[in-house]
Protein backbone atom coordinates (compact mmCIF):
# COMPACT_ATOMS: atom_id res chain seq x y z
CA MET A 1 15.20 35.61 -34.19
CA LYS A 2 14.16 39.31 -35.60
CA ASP A 3 11.92 41.45 -33.40
CA LYS A 4 9.64 41.69 -36.02
CA ASN A 5 9.54 37.90 -36.51
CA TYR A 6 8.35 37.37 -32.66
CA ILE A 7 6.33 40.05 -32.87
CA LEU A 8 4.82 39.07 -35.86
CA LEU A 9 4.49 34.69 -34.21
CA LEU A 10 2.88 36.24 -30.90
CA VAL A 11 0.12 37.97 -32.63
CA ALA A 12 -0.44 35.17 -35.03
CA HIS A 13 -0.97 33.27 -32.04
CA ALA A 14 -3.28 35.96 -29.96
CA PHE A 15 -5.51 35.78 -32.81
CA ILE A 16 -5.85 32.42 -33.07
CA GLY A 17 -6.78 32.45 -29.38
CA MET A 18 -9.20 34.65 -30.12
CA MET A 19 -10.61 32.61 -33.68
CA ILE A 20 -10.78 29.41 -31.69
CA TYR A 21 -13.09 31.45 -28.72
CA LEU A 22 -15.35 33.31 -31.49
CA ILE A 23 -15.69 30.23 -33.82
CA PRO A 24 -14.96 26.92 -31.32
CA GLU A 25 -15.18 24.58 -34.69
CA LEU A 26 -11.88 26.38 -35.70
CA SER A 27 -10.19 24.07 -32.98
CA LYS A 28 -10.60 20.80 -34.76
CA VAL A 29 -8.95 22.89 -38.17
CA TYR A 30 -6.10 23.74 -36.16
CA GLY A 31 -5.83 20.14 -34.47
CA PHE A 32 -5.40 18.33 -38.08
CA VAL A 33 -3.13 21.55 -39.43
CA ILE A 34 -0.70 21.02 -36.64
CA LEU A 35 0.07 17.42 -37.60
CA PHE A 36 -0.46 17.62 -40.90
CA VAL A 37 1.78 20.46 -40.83
CA GLY A 38 4.29 19.12 -38.01
CA LEU A 39 4.65 16.30 -40.86
CA TYR A 40 5.53 17.50 -43.71
CA TYR A 41 7.82 19.31 -42.03
CA VAL A 42 9.75 16.61 -40.71
CA VAL A 43 9.81 14.53 -43.86
CA LYS A 44 10.97 18.07 -46.39
CA ASN A 45 13.92 18.53 -44.53
CA ARG A 46 14.33 14.95 -43.22
CA ASN A 47 14.88 16.10 -39.43
CA VAL A 48 17.87 17.49 -40.43
CA ASN A 49 18.10 20.54 -37.32
CA ASN A 50 15.73 18.24 -35.58
CA GLU A 51 12.66 19.13 -36.21
CA VAL A 52 10.74 16.80 -35.01
CA LEU A 53 11.52 18.28 -31.62
CA PHE A 54 9.95 21.51 -32.91
CA VAL A 55 6.77 19.72 -33.61
CA SER A 56 7.01 17.94 -30.65
CA ALA A 57 7.60 21.27 -28.25
CA TYR A 58 4.46 22.99 -30.31
CA PHE A 59 2.12 19.58 -29.71
CA VAL A 60 2.99 19.96 -26.08
CA GLY A 61 2.13 23.64 -25.49
CA SER A 62 -1.06 22.81 -27.60
CA GLU A 63 -2.47 19.87 -26.26
CA VAL A 64 -4.33 21.51 -23.52
CA PHE A 65 -5.82 24.00 -25.15
CA LEU A 66 -7.35 21.49 -28.03
CA ARG A 67 -8.70 19.67 -25.42
CA MET A 68 -10.38 22.18 -23.45
CA THR A 69 -11.77 23.36 -27.34
CA GLY A 70 -12.60 19.91 -28.13
CA GLY A 71 -9.67 20.44 -31.13
CA ASN A 72 -7.39 16.96 -30.26
CA ILE A 73 -8.10 14.43 -33.18
CA LEU A 74 -8.14 11.48 -29.63
CA TYR A 75 -7.58 12.74 -26.01
CA GLU A 76 -4.95 11.08 -25.61
CA PHE A 77 -3.54 12.27 -29.64
CA SER A 78 -0.50 14.82 -28.15
CA LYS A 79 1.55 11.48 -26.41
CA TYR A 80 0.89 9.32 -29.05
CA GLY A 81 2.27 12.47 -31.71
CA ILE A 82 5.10 12.91 -30.09
CA MET A 83 6.20 8.94 -29.81
CA ILE A 84 5.24 9.12 -33.82
CA PHE A 85 7.36 12.18 -34.75
CA MET A 86 10.40 10.45 -32.12
CA LEU A 87 10.33 7.57 -34.16
CA LEU A 88 10.67 9.43 -37.16
CA GLY A 89 13.20 11.55 -36.25
CA MET A 90 15.15 8.61 -35.02
CA TYR A 91 14.78 7.01 -38.53
CA TYR A 92 16.29 10.30 -40.03
CA SER A 93 19.00 10.92 -37.59
CA GLY A 94 19.72 7.56 -35.43
CA PHE A 95 20.03 7.65 -32.18
CA SER A 96 22.81 7.43 -28.96
CA LYS A 97 23.59 3.77 -28.93
CA ASN A 98 24.56 4.88 -25.09
CA ALA A 99 20.77 5.97 -24.30
CA ILE A 100 21.01 1.98 -22.81
CA PRO A 101 18.81 3.32 -19.93
CA PHE A 102 16.24 4.05 -21.47
CA TRP A 103 15.66 0.98 -23.11
CA ILE A 104 15.64 -0.30 -19.80
CA TYR A 105 13.54 1.71 -18.36
CA LEU A 106 11.02 0.98 -21.32
CA LEU A 107 11.56 -3.13 -20.81
CA PHE A 108 10.90 -2.50 -17.19
CA LEU A 109 7.48 -1.16 -17.79
CA LEU A 110 6.23 -4.29 -19.50
CA PRO A 111 5.97 -6.22 -16.52
CA GLY A 112 3.46 -4.18 -15.27
CA VAL A 113 1.18 -4.39 -18.20
CA LEU A 114 1.48 -8.05 -18.65
CA VAL A 115 0.59 -8.00 -14.95
CA ALA A 116 -2.63 -5.56 -15.97
CA THR A 117 -3.82 -8.33 -19.02
CA GLU A 118 -4.22 -10.82 -16.17
CA THR A 119 -5.39 -9.05 -13.36
CA LEU A 120 -8.07 -5.98 -14.31
CA ASN A 121 -11.63 -7.17 -14.67
CA LEU A 122 -13.15 -8.21 -17.63
CA LYS A 123 -15.45 -5.27 -17.36
CA SER A 124 -12.97 -2.41 -18.00
CA ASP A 125 -11.94 -1.64 -21.26
CA LEU A 126 -8.81 -3.10 -20.70
CA ARG A 127 -7.41 -0.84 -24.33
CA ASN A 128 -7.96 2.36 -23.08
CA SER A 129 -7.44 1.59 -18.93
CA LEU A 130 -3.58 0.45 -20.59
CA SER A 131 -3.12 3.59 -23.05
CA PHE A 132 -4.03 6.26 -20.66
CA ASN A 133 -2.01 4.83 -17.69
CA ILE A 134 0.58 3.85 -19.77
CA SER A 135 0.88 6.12 -22.78
CA GLY A 136 3.02 9.04 -20.68
CA PRO A 137 5.62 6.76 -19.25
CA ALA A 138 6.14 5.38 -22.79
CA CYS A 139 6.36 9.24 -24.16
CA LEU A 140 8.49 9.55 -22.09
CA GLY A 141 11.10 6.81 -22.85
CA ILE A 142 10.32 7.60 -26.36
CA ALA A 143 11.98 11.05 -26.13
CA ALA A 144 14.45 10.04 -23.92
CA ILE A 145 16.18 7.48 -26.19
CA TYR A 146 15.63 10.16 -29.28
CA ALA A 147 17.06 13.41 -27.48
CA TYR A 148 19.93 11.13 -25.12
CA ASN A 149 23.03 13.01 -25.66
CA ARG A 150 22.12 14.94 -28.86
CA LYS A 151 23.90 17.47 -29.97
CA ILE A 152 21.93 21.05 -29.84
CA LYS A 153 22.91 24.93 -30.12
CA PHE A 154 21.70 26.66 -26.96
CA SER A 155 19.75 29.08 -29.64
CA GLN A 156 17.84 26.46 -31.29
CA LEU A 157 16.61 24.89 -27.64
CA ASN A 158 15.28 28.22 -26.87
CA ASN A 159 13.64 28.53 -30.24
CA ILE A 160 12.43 24.97 -29.34
CA LEU A 161 11.15 26.23 -26.23
CA LEU A 162 9.74 29.71 -28.13
CA THR A 163 7.49 26.62 -30.18
CA MET A 164 6.24 25.64 -27.17
CA GLY A 165 5.49 28.71 -25.61
CA LEU A 166 3.42 30.19 -28.56
CA PRO A 167 0.37 28.10 -28.08
CA ILE A 168 0.18 28.85 -24.86
CA VAL A 169 0.19 32.43 -25.62
CA SER A 170 -2.85 31.12 -28.03
CA MET A 171 -4.70 29.50 -24.35
CA THR A 172 -4.31 32.51 -22.74
CA VAL A 173 -5.76 34.99 -24.85
CA TYR A 174 -8.63 32.36 -25.10
CA LEU A 175 -8.63 32.01 -21.47
CA ILE A 176 -8.82 36.01 -20.92
CA PHE A 177 -11.91 35.98 -23.54
CA TYR A 178 -13.93 33.11 -22.33
CA THR A 179 -13.58 33.70 -18.01
CA PRO A 180 -16.54 35.61 -16.63
CA GLU A 181 -16.33 38.67 -14.11
CA LEU A 182 -14.60 36.77 -11.07
CA LYS A 183 -16.26 38.14 -8.10
CA THR A 184 -19.30 36.69 -10.23
CA ILE A 185 -18.08 33.08 -10.11
CA LEU A 186 -16.09 32.25 -6.97
CA VAL A 187 -17.44 31.28 -3.93
CA SER A 188 -14.62 29.05 -2.69
CA THR A 189 -10.87 28.16 -2.66
CA GLY A 190 -11.06 24.97 -4.30
CA SER A 191 -9.94 24.84 -8.42
CA ASN A 192 -11.85 26.11 -10.53
CA PRO A 193 -12.57 25.07 -14.53
CA GLU A 194 -14.57 27.93 -15.07
CA THR A 195 -11.69 30.34 -14.65
CA SER A 196 -9.81 27.12 -16.95
CA GLY A 197 -11.17 27.36 -19.86
CA GLY A 198 -14.04 24.66 -18.87
CA PHE A 199 -11.64 22.62 -18.27
CA GLY A 200 -9.17 20.74 -15.99
CA PRO A 201 -7.59 23.56 -13.89
CA ASN A 202 -4.89 21.15 -12.60
CA GLN A 203 -3.63 20.53 -15.99
CA VAL A 204 -4.26 23.97 -17.18
CA ALA A 205 -2.09 25.86 -14.41
CA THR A 206 0.69 23.66 -15.53
CA VAL A 207 1.15 24.14 -18.88
CA LEU A 208 0.58 28.35 -17.94
CA GLY A 209 3.59 27.46 -14.92
CA LEU A 210 5.66 26.35 -17.55
CA GLY A 211 4.74 29.01 -20.23
CA MET A 212 5.90 31.31 -17.25
CA PHE A 213 9.43 29.72 -17.27
CA VAL A 214 9.78 30.33 -20.98
CA PHE A 215 8.43 33.80 -21.35
CA PHE A 216 10.32 34.58 -18.59
CA SER A 217 13.87 33.20 -19.87
CA ARG A 218 13.26 35.26 -22.82
CA LEU A 219 12.55 38.25 -20.76
CA VAL A 220 15.72 37.74 -19.35
CA LEU A 221 18.36 36.88 -22.17
CA PHE A 222 16.08 37.38 -24.94
CA SER A 223 14.84 41.43 -24.48
CA LYS A 224 17.39 43.47 -25.83
CA ASN A 225 15.63 46.17 -26.13
CA LYS A 226 12.38 48.13 -23.63
CA LEU A 227 10.28 47.20 -26.46
CA MET A 228 11.12 43.51 -25.94
CA PHE A 229 11.53 43.81 -22.47
CA ALA A 230 7.53 45.08 -22.05
CA LEU A 231 6.59 42.55 -23.99
CA ASN A 232 7.64 39.48 -22.57
CA LEU A 233 7.01 40.97 -18.96
CA ILE A 234 3.32 41.62 -19.64
CA ILE A 235 3.11 37.82 -21.06
CA VAL A 236 4.80 36.49 -17.81
CA PHE A 237 2.42 38.39 -15.97
CA ASN A 238 -0.68 37.30 -18.16
CA MET A 239 0.20 34.09 -18.32
CA SER A 240 0.81 34.32 -14.32
CA TYR A 241 -2.56 36.03 -13.57
CA ARG A 242 -4.44 33.22 -15.66
CA GLY A 243 -2.48 30.85 -13.94
CA LEU A 244 -3.15 31.62 -10.44
CA VAL A 245 -7.01 32.44 -11.17
CA THR A 246 -7.44 28.49 -11.74
CA PHE A 247 -6.74 27.97 -7.73
CA SER A 248 -4.46 25.11 -8.88
CA ARG A 249 -1.73 25.53 -6.97
CA GLY A 250 0.75 22.96 -8.66
CA GLY A 251 1.12 24.11 -12.01
CA MET A 252 2.26 28.27 -10.00
CA ILE A 253 3.99 26.73 -7.51
CA THR A 254 6.29 24.38 -9.84
CA GLY A 255 6.37 27.66 -12.99
CA LEU A 256 8.21 29.67 -9.85
CA PHE A 257 10.64 27.28 -8.83
CA MET A 258 12.10 26.91 -12.48
CA ILE A 259 12.36 30.04 -12.70
CA LEU A 260 14.49 29.97 -9.22
CA ILE A 261 16.79 27.39 -10.56
CA LEU A 262 17.19 29.49 -13.50
CA ILE A 263 17.91 32.78 -12.05
CA PHE A 264 20.41 30.61 -9.38
CA PHE A 265 22.70 29.25 -12.42
CA LEU A 266 22.39 32.57 -14.65
CA TYR A 267 24.34 34.53 -11.32
CA ARG A 268 26.45 31.26 -11.59
CA ASN A 269 27.35 31.83 -15.29
CA THR A 270 27.59 35.38 -15.16
CA ARG A 271 30.52 37.94 -14.45
CA ASN A 272 30.27 41.56 -12.53
CA GLU A 273 28.76 43.29 -15.47
CA GLY A 274 26.12 41.25 -16.34
CA ARG A 275 24.70 39.95 -12.84
CA TYR A 276 24.15 44.23 -12.67
CA ARG A 277 21.71 43.89 -15.59
CA LEU A 278 20.14 40.57 -14.14
CA ASN A 279 19.98 41.98 -10.94
CA MET A 280 17.52 45.19 -12.45
CA LEU A 281 15.58 42.86 -14.51
CA LEU A 282 14.83 40.98 -10.82
CA VAL A 283 13.72 44.08 -9.78
CA PHE A 284 11.40 44.34 -12.35
CA PHE A 285 10.23 40.58 -12.31
CA ILE A 286 10.07 41.20 -8.45
CA LEU A 287 7.63 44.25 -8.83
CA GLY A 288 5.60 42.79 -11.13
CA PHE A 289 5.14 40.02 -9.19
CA GLY A 290 4.46 41.65 -6.35
CA PHE A 291 2.03 43.56 -8.86
CA THR A 292 0.35 40.67 -10.19
CA TRP A 293 -0.60 38.82 -7.11
CA VAL A 294 -1.69 41.80 -4.96
CA TYR A 295 -4.10 42.43 -8.26
CA THR A 296 -5.85 38.79 -8.46
CA SER A 297 -5.94 39.41 -4.55
CA ASN A 298 -8.30 42.27 -5.37
CA GLN A 299 -9.86 40.29 -8.50
CA THR A 300 -10.46 36.97 -5.94
CA GLY A 301 -11.93 38.70 -2.79
CA GLY A 302 -8.73 37.64 -1.09
CA LEU A 303 -10.02 34.28 -2.23
CA ILE A 304 -6.28 33.31 -3.49
CA ASP A 305 -4.52 35.07 -0.35
CA LYS A 306 -6.51 31.66 2.04
CA ARG A 307 -6.60 29.06 -1.12
CA TYR A 308 -2.07 29.67 -0.91
CA ALA A 309 -2.70 29.74 3.01
CA ASN A 310 -4.55 26.53 2.66
CA GLN A 311 -7.79 27.74 4.04
CA ASP A 312 -11.18 27.21 2.83
CA ALA A 313 -13.55 30.40 2.05
CA THR A 314 -14.52 31.15 5.87
CA GLY A 315 -10.47 31.02 6.41
CA ARG A 316 -10.14 28.04 8.49
CA VAL A 317 -7.26 25.93 7.80
CA LYS A 318 -7.76 22.44 5.65
CA GLU A 319 -7.62 19.19 7.25
CA SER A 320 -5.79 18.03 4.24
CA GLN A 321 -2.57 19.82 2.71
CA PHE A 322 -2.98 18.25 -0.54
CA THR A 323 -6.85 18.23 -1.17
CA GLY A 324 -7.11 14.32 0.07
CA ARG A 325 -4.21 13.03 -2.19
CA GLU A 326 -2.99 11.60 0.76
CA GLU A 327 -5.33 9.14 1.21
CA ILE A 328 -4.20 7.61 -2.31
CA TRP A 329 -1.19 7.46 -1.71
CA ASP A 330 -1.63 5.56 1.28
CA ASN A 331 -3.85 3.33 -1.02
CA GLU A 332 -1.01 2.70 -3.64
CA ILE A 333 1.96 1.76 -0.92
CA ALA A 334 -0.40 -0.26 0.80
CA SER A 335 -1.32 -2.34 -2.78
CA PHE A 336 3.52 -2.41 -3.42
CA GLU A 337 3.58 -3.60 0.18
CA ASP A 338 0.85 -6.32 -0.86
CA ASN A 339 2.70 -7.21 -4.54
CA PRO A 340 6.06 -5.36 -4.36
CA ILE A 341 8.23 -7.31 -7.09
CA PHE A 342 5.48 -6.70 -10.42
CA GLY A 343 3.39 -4.56 -8.99
CA ILE A 344 -0.59 -4.88 -9.43
CA GLY A 345 -0.50 -4.33 -12.63
CA VAL A 346 -1.73 -0.85 -15.00
CA ALA A 347 -4.24 0.61 -13.73
CA LYS A 348 -5.35 -1.53 -11.37
CA GLY A 349 -5.30 0.55 -8.88
CA LEU A 350 -8.30 2.82 -10.35
CA GLU A 351 -9.79 -0.20 -10.08
CA VAL A 352 -8.79 -1.49 -6.40
CA ARG A 353 -10.15 2.63 -5.32
CA GLU A 354 -13.02 2.23 -7.27
CA GLU A 355 -13.75 -1.47 -5.19
CA GLN A 356 -13.13 0.58 -1.81
CA SER A 357 -14.92 2.98 -2.41
CA GLY A 358 -18.49 1.93 -3.30
CA GLY A 359 -17.92 2.98 -6.70
CA MET A 360 -16.39 6.57 -7.10
CA ILE A 361 -13.76 6.41 -9.22
CA VAL A 362 -10.96 7.68 -7.78
CA ALA A 363 -7.29 7.88 -10.43
CA SER A 364 -4.18 8.88 -8.88
CA HIS A 365 -2.13 12.26 -8.89
CA ASN A 366 0.99 11.20 -8.23
CA GLU A 367 3.38 9.25 -10.94
CA ILE A 368 5.78 7.58 -8.46
CA THR A 369 3.45 6.61 -6.06
CA ARG A 370 1.28 5.34 -8.87
CA THR A 371 4.28 3.25 -10.60
CA ILE A 372 5.52 1.64 -7.44
CA SER A 373 2.17 0.24 -7.05
CA GLU A 374 1.59 -0.80 -10.84
CA HIS A 375 5.45 -1.86 -11.68
CA GLY A 376 6.39 -2.64 -7.64
CA THR A 377 10.15 -2.93 -7.75
CA LEU A 378 10.75 -2.89 -11.35
CA GLY A 379 8.82 0.70 -11.07
CA ILE A 380 10.85 2.07 -8.32
CA ILE A 381 14.41 1.03 -10.87
CA ALA A 382 12.56 2.79 -13.52
CA LEU A 383 11.81 5.92 -11.37
CA MET A 384 15.57 5.79 -10.32
CA ILE A 385 16.94 5.82 -13.93
CA VAL A 386 14.88 8.36 -14.80
CA PHE A 387 15.92 10.69 -12.13
CA THR A 388 19.34 9.97 -12.08
CA THR A 389 20.70 9.99 -15.55
CA PRO A 390 20.37 14.24 -16.03
CA ILE A 391 22.18 14.69 -13.14
CA PHE A 392 25.29 12.12 -14.43
CA LEU A 393 24.87 13.98 -17.88
CA TYR A 394 25.11 17.23 -15.81
CA LEU A 395 28.48 16.24 -15.53
CA ASP A 396 29.68 16.45 -18.47
CA ASN A 397 27.02 18.80 -19.70
CA LYS A 398 27.41 22.30 -18.51
CA GLN A 399 25.98 24.20 -20.88
CA ASN A 400 22.87 23.16 -20.74
CA ILE A 401 22.03 25.82 -17.99
CA TYR A 402 18.01 24.36 -18.32
CA LEU A 403 19.07 20.92 -17.35
CA PHE A 404 18.10 20.79 -13.57
CA CYS A 405 14.74 23.29 -14.71
CA PHE A 406 13.23 20.60 -17.20
CA LEU A 407 14.57 17.71 -14.35
CA LEU A 408 12.80 19.62 -10.93
CA PHE A 409 9.57 20.43 -14.10
CA TRP A 410 8.86 16.69 -14.63
CA LEU A 411 9.35 15.88 -10.78
CA LEU A 412 6.92 18.23 -9.49
CA THR A 413 4.26 18.13 -12.53
CA ILE A 414 4.18 14.13 -12.05
CA ASN A 415 3.66 14.47 -8.32
CA HIS A 416 0.34 16.52 -8.36
CA ALA A 417 -0.57 15.80 -12.43
CA ALA A 418 0.48 12.58 -12.47
CA MET A 419 1.27 12.28 -16.61
CA ARG A 420 -1.95 13.24 -17.90
CA ILE A 421 -0.50 15.37 -20.32
CA ALA A 422 2.52 15.13 -22.58
CA ALA A 423 4.21 18.05 -20.86
CA PRO A 424 6.64 16.13 -18.34
CA ALA A 425 7.40 14.00 -20.02
CA PHE A 426 9.02 15.38 -23.22
CA VAL A 427 10.05 18.42 -21.42
CA TYR A 428 12.23 16.09 -19.12
CA SER A 429 13.94 14.93 -22.28
CA PHE A 430 15.52 17.91 -22.70
CA SER A 431 17.94 17.76 -19.50
CA LEU A 432 19.33 14.87 -21.74
CA LEU A 433 20.59 17.05 -25.04
CA LYS A 434 24.03 18.10 -25.08
CA VAL A 435 23.90 21.56 -25.25
CA TYR A 436 26.79 24.23 -26.17
CA ILE A 437 26.64 28.02 -26.03
CA ASP A 438 26.92 29.00 -29.59
CA GLU A 439 28.13 32.53 -30.56
């Protein structure tokens, strides 16, 4: 992509973020435009160049931004949209006959749904309960079937990542306008909706961490002059800063680990001259990150340091390392032990905890223990399929240098944010692509 076009895309998406802040009603328009332009784009080109991956990537990048600004057609629309576009892509371009593991994965999810129809209380909204809990795993399965061993150029994969990153730029600009003076609102080290666009800090930080990785990859691989280097560096650290001040740690830690894995694979695949350039880039990155942390610490009155040290505002170490989520894990493991074959049924875990807590609704943040609890042994097998398949494919897919970054994003994200957003399901599917380096 030419530098001029890249800058125009960034400016356009920064403008979108500003305009939606000024005129919130535009968020609905933005959501509908994404859907209908995406549909036209795919049907017109008949998915010749994997257009569905570009459209789905844009869905993923814009999902949390649309949720926080009320622009989503339906709350879970991004997951449904991705599934529809993946099926449309299969209609036009087919899919690998070797994607059998993911047909099995989807099949193993069905018993948990059937059990739920019998175990969920009558007062539950069955359709919404099932949709909320199964849409993420279903999205992963369908996206994985489409992506399985699908050949794609490395340059095209990077363009897809950019497509996912652009609406995150819009969200970042929106947050810049939305967030008040930090020192006037920060009184604790807990996650803060006021610094997250009035929305869930966990989901916002998850997407910002993903954006960090996307633009760091461009910083390292596509900054061919000083202007591009400076521009990408500014974007990376703006997203880092906005992610840090949400005070939600999971997304930031995940983004940082993805960057570290990418650095490791770049070192493995470069020679002396390339390593020298990479070293210079890393020096700038480390200095920039250090400056960002010091600046964030100053702006938050040192609260960010205490947050990552697991302390409260007075400096006392908190009893729980994971904000009380250990109790949910224990509850879900206990449910599995009582129902080890087919589990307790999709969404039943929420009801169990509600009954045990006297009416308090406590949703699971961990997709692994939720799957084990609600799908039983079949859920364990399903998770093993998802985790091991990319590793086996890597043996014949060494040119996908992002593979373990994508796999790690899925694994870490579902441990702190479950699959409430489409990002972990869709990004995971990239680890199944057959990538080859083009000129």
